[in-house]
């Protein structure tokens, strides 16, 4: 998920105008949260579910927070 967060942030930085960065970055995070749950439910392993989901979502949040700081500072 962290890689997808980086990819999403780069695409947003390249495609969207600077005034829309704060609109699209949370949408990417929401999509990653939903994707995380789909993937974790598809694995069908109950042990460690919360830890795996928490790690994935926390990492994506940190990556997108850093991307937000970078994009807003250069805008």
N, C-alpha and C. Protein backbone atom coordinates (compact mmCIF):
# COMPACT_ATOMS: atom_id res chain seq x y z
N UNK A 1 0.80 -1.19 0.00
CA UNK A 1 0.00 0.00 0.00
C UNK A 1 0.85 1.26 0.00
N UNK A 2 2.01 1.16 0.64
CA UNK A 2 2.85 2.35 0.72
C UNK A 2 3.30 2.76 -0.67
N UNK A 3 3.61 1.79 -1.49
CA UNK A 3 4.02 2.10 -2.86
C UNK A 3 2.89 2.77 -3.63
N UNK A 4 1.68 2.29 -3.44
CA UNK A 4 0.53 2.90 -4.11
C UNK A 4 0.28 4.31 -3.61
N UNK A 5 0.58 4.56 -2.33
CA UNK A 5 0.45 5.92 -1.80
C UNK A 5 1.45 6.85 -2.48
N UNK A 6 2.66 6.37 -2.67
CA UNK A 6 3.68 7.18 -3.37
C UNK A 6 3.26 7.43 -4.80
N UNK A 7 2.79 6.40 -5.47
CA UNK A 7 2.34 6.54 -6.86
C UNK A 7 1.18 7.53 -6.95
N UNK A 8 0.21 7.41 -6.04
CA UNK A 8 -0.91 8.34 -6.04
C UNK A 8 -0.48 9.77 -5.80
N UNK A 9 0.46 9.98 -4.88
CA UNK A 9 0.94 11.33 -4.59
C UNK A 9 1.68 11.91 -5.79
N UNK A 10 2.48 11.10 -6.45
CA UNK A 10 3.22 11.58 -7.63
C UNK A 10 2.25 11.94 -8.75
N UNK A 11 1.27 11.10 -8.98
CA UNK A 11 0.28 11.38 -10.03
C UNK A 11 -0.47 12.67 -9.71
N UNK A 12 -0.87 12.84 -8.45
CA UNK A 12 -1.56 14.06 -8.07
C UNK A 12 -0.67 15.27 -8.26
N UNK A 13 0.59 15.14 -7.88
CA UNK A 13 1.52 16.25 -8.05
C UNK A 13 1.75 16.63 -9.49
N UNK A 14 1.67 15.67 -10.39
CA UNK A 14 1.92 15.94 -11.81
C UNK A 14 0.67 16.36 -12.58
N UNK A 15 -0.48 15.86 -12.18
CA UNK A 15 -1.69 16.03 -12.99
C UNK A 15 -2.60 17.15 -12.51
N UNK A 16 -2.75 17.28 -11.21
CA UNK A 16 -3.73 18.24 -10.70
C UNK A 16 -3.11 19.61 -10.47
N UNK A 17 -3.92 20.65 -10.54
CA UNK A 17 -3.42 21.99 -10.22
C UNK A 17 -3.17 22.11 -8.71
N UNK A 18 -2.25 22.97 -8.31
CA UNK A 18 -1.88 23.07 -6.88
C UNK A 18 -3.05 23.35 -5.93
N UNK A 19 -4.06 24.08 -6.37
CA UNK A 19 -5.16 24.37 -5.46
C UNK A 19 -6.05 23.15 -5.19
N UNK A 20 -5.84 22.06 -5.92
CA UNK A 20 -6.64 20.85 -5.70
C UNK A 20 -5.88 19.72 -5.01
N UNK A 21 -4.65 19.97 -4.59
CA UNK A 21 -3.88 18.94 -3.90
C UNK A 21 -4.60 18.44 -2.66
N UNK A 22 -5.14 19.37 -1.88
CA UNK A 22 -5.79 19.00 -0.62
C UNK A 22 -7.16 18.37 -0.83
N UNK A 23 -7.63 18.36 -2.05
CA UNK A 23 -8.88 17.66 -2.37
C UNK A 23 -8.59 16.21 -2.73
N UNK A 24 -7.56 15.98 -3.52
CA UNK A 24 -7.29 14.66 -4.07
C UNK A 24 -6.48 13.75 -3.16
N UNK A 25 -5.61 14.29 -2.33
CA UNK A 25 -4.81 13.43 -1.45
C UNK A 25 -5.66 12.64 -0.45
N UNK A 26 -6.68 13.24 0.19
CA UNK A 26 -7.55 12.43 1.05
C UNK A 26 -8.35 11.38 0.29
N UNK A 27 -8.67 11.66 -0.97
CA UNK A 27 -9.39 10.67 -1.78
C UNK A 27 -8.49 9.47 -2.03
N UNK A 28 -7.22 9.71 -2.28
CA UNK A 28 -6.27 8.61 -2.45
C UNK A 28 -6.19 7.79 -1.17
N UNK A 29 -6.11 8.46 -0.01
CA UNK A 29 -6.05 7.74 1.26
C UNK A 29 -7.31 6.90 1.47
N UNK A 30 -8.46 7.45 1.17
CA UNK A 30 -9.71 6.69 1.32
C UNK A 30 -9.72 5.46 0.43
N UNK A 31 -9.26 5.63 -0.80
CA UNK A 31 -9.17 4.48 -1.70
C UNK A 31 -8.21 3.41 -1.20
N UNK A 32 -7.10 3.84 -0.61
CA UNK A 32 -6.13 2.89 -0.07
C UNK A 32 -6.67 2.15 1.15
N UNK A 33 -7.46 2.83 1.96
CA UNK A 33 -8.08 2.17 3.12
C UNK A 33 -9.04 1.09 2.64
N UNK A 34 -9.87 1.42 1.67
CA UNK A 34 -10.82 0.44 1.13
C UNK A 34 -10.07 -0.72 0.48
N UNK A 35 -9.04 -0.42 -0.30
CA UNK A 35 -8.24 -1.46 -0.95
C UNK A 35 -7.56 -2.35 0.08
N UNK A 36 -7.08 -1.76 1.17
CA UNK A 36 -6.45 -2.55 2.23
C UNK A 36 -7.42 -3.57 2.79
N UNK A 37 -8.64 -3.14 3.08
CA UNK A 37 -9.60 -4.08 3.63
C UNK A 37 -10.00 -5.15 2.62
N UNK A 38 -10.12 -4.80 1.36
CA UNK A 38 -10.41 -5.82 0.35
C UNK A 38 -9.30 -6.85 0.29
N UNK A 39 -8.06 -6.40 0.27
CA UNK A 39 -6.94 -7.32 0.20
C UNK A 39 -6.86 -8.20 1.45
N UNK A 40 -7.01 -7.58 2.61
CA UNK A 40 -6.91 -8.35 3.84
C UNK A 40 -8.05 -9.36 3.98
N UNK A 41 -9.23 -9.00 3.50
CA UNK A 41 -10.33 -9.96 3.54
C UNK A 41 -10.16 -11.06 2.50
N UNK A 42 -9.53 -10.75 1.39
CA UNK A 42 -9.29 -11.76 0.35
C UNK A 42 -8.26 -12.78 0.80
N UNK A 43 -7.33 -12.37 1.65
CA UNK A 43 -6.32 -13.30 2.16
C UNK A 43 -6.96 -14.38 3.02
N UNK A 44 -8.01 -14.04 3.74
CA UNK A 44 -8.78 -14.95 4.59
C UNK A 44 -7.95 -15.55 5.72
N UNK A 45 -7.02 -14.78 6.24
CA UNK A 45 -6.29 -15.17 7.44
C UNK A 45 -6.76 -14.28 8.57
N UNK A 46 -7.28 -14.87 9.62
CA UNK A 46 -7.80 -14.06 10.71
C UNK A 46 -6.71 -13.59 11.66
N UNK A 47 -5.70 -14.40 11.86
CA UNK A 47 -4.65 -14.01 12.80
C UNK A 47 -3.79 -12.89 12.20
N UNK A 48 -3.65 -11.84 12.97
CA UNK A 48 -2.85 -10.71 12.53
C UNK A 48 -3.57 -9.73 11.62
N UNK A 49 -4.88 -9.91 11.45
CA UNK A 49 -5.62 -9.03 10.55
C UNK A 49 -5.52 -7.57 10.96
N UNK A 50 -5.74 -7.31 12.23
CA UNK A 50 -5.73 -5.92 12.71
C UNK A 50 -4.34 -5.31 12.54
N UNK A 51 -3.30 -6.07 12.87
CA UNK A 51 -1.93 -5.56 12.74
C UNK A 51 -1.59 -5.27 11.28
N UNK A 52 -1.92 -6.18 10.38
CA UNK A 52 -1.62 -5.97 8.96
C UNK A 52 -2.37 -4.77 8.41
N UNK A 53 -3.64 -4.66 8.73
CA UNK A 53 -4.44 -3.53 8.25
C UNK A 53 -3.93 -2.22 8.85
N UNK A 54 -3.62 -2.24 10.15
CA UNK A 54 -3.14 -1.04 10.82
C UNK A 54 -1.80 -0.59 10.23
N UNK A 55 -0.90 -1.52 9.99
CA UNK A 55 0.40 -1.18 9.43
C UNK A 55 0.26 -0.59 8.04
N UNK A 56 -0.57 -1.19 7.23
CA UNK A 56 -0.77 -0.71 5.87
C UNK A 56 -1.37 0.69 5.85
N UNK A 57 -2.41 0.91 6.63
CA UNK A 57 -3.08 2.20 6.64
C UNK A 57 -2.20 3.28 7.28
N UNK A 58 -1.50 2.94 8.34
CA UNK A 58 -0.61 3.91 8.99
C UNK A 58 0.51 4.32 8.05
N UNK A 59 1.10 3.36 7.36
CA UNK A 59 2.17 3.68 6.42
C UNK A 59 1.69 4.57 5.28
N UNK A 60 0.52 4.25 4.75
CA UNK A 60 -0.04 5.07 3.67
C UNK A 60 -0.35 6.48 4.17
N UNK A 61 -0.83 6.59 5.39
CA UNK A 61 -1.13 7.90 5.97
C UNK A 61 0.14 8.72 6.12
N UNK A 62 1.21 8.10 6.59
CA UNK A 62 2.48 8.81 6.77
C UNK A 62 3.03 9.25 5.43
N UNK A 63 3.00 8.37 4.44
CA UNK A 63 3.49 8.72 3.11
C UNK A 63 2.70 9.89 2.53
N UNK A 64 1.39 9.84 2.66
CA UNK A 64 0.57 10.93 2.11
C UNK A 64 0.69 12.21 2.92
N UNK A 65 0.97 12.11 4.22
CA UNK A 65 1.20 13.32 5.01
C UNK A 65 2.49 14.01 4.56
N UNK A 66 3.53 13.23 4.32
CA UNK A 66 4.78 13.79 3.82
C UNK A 66 4.57 14.39 2.43
N UNK A 67 3.83 13.68 1.58
CA UNK A 67 3.54 14.20 0.23
C UNK A 67 2.75 15.50 0.31
N UNK A 68 1.81 15.57 1.24
CA UNK A 68 1.02 16.80 1.41
C UNK A 68 1.92 17.95 1.80
N UNK A 69 2.81 17.72 2.75
CA UNK A 69 3.72 18.77 3.18
C UNK A 69 4.61 19.24 2.03
N UNK A 70 5.11 18.30 1.24
CA UNK A 70 5.97 18.66 0.12
C UNK A 70 5.19 19.42 -0.94
N UNK A 71 4.03 18.90 -1.33
CA UNK A 71 3.26 19.53 -2.38
C UNK A 71 2.75 20.92 -1.99
N UNK A 72 2.33 21.07 -0.75
CA UNK A 72 1.84 22.38 -0.31
C UNK A 72 2.99 23.39 -0.21
N UNK A 73 4.16 22.92 0.18
CA UNK A 73 5.28 23.84 0.32
C UNK A 73 5.81 24.33 -1.03
N UNK A 74 5.68 23.51 -2.09
CA UNK A 74 6.18 23.95 -3.39
C UNK A 74 5.10 24.65 -4.21
N UNK A 75 3.84 24.60 -3.74
CA UNK A 75 2.74 25.23 -4.49
C UNK A 75 2.75 26.72 -4.36
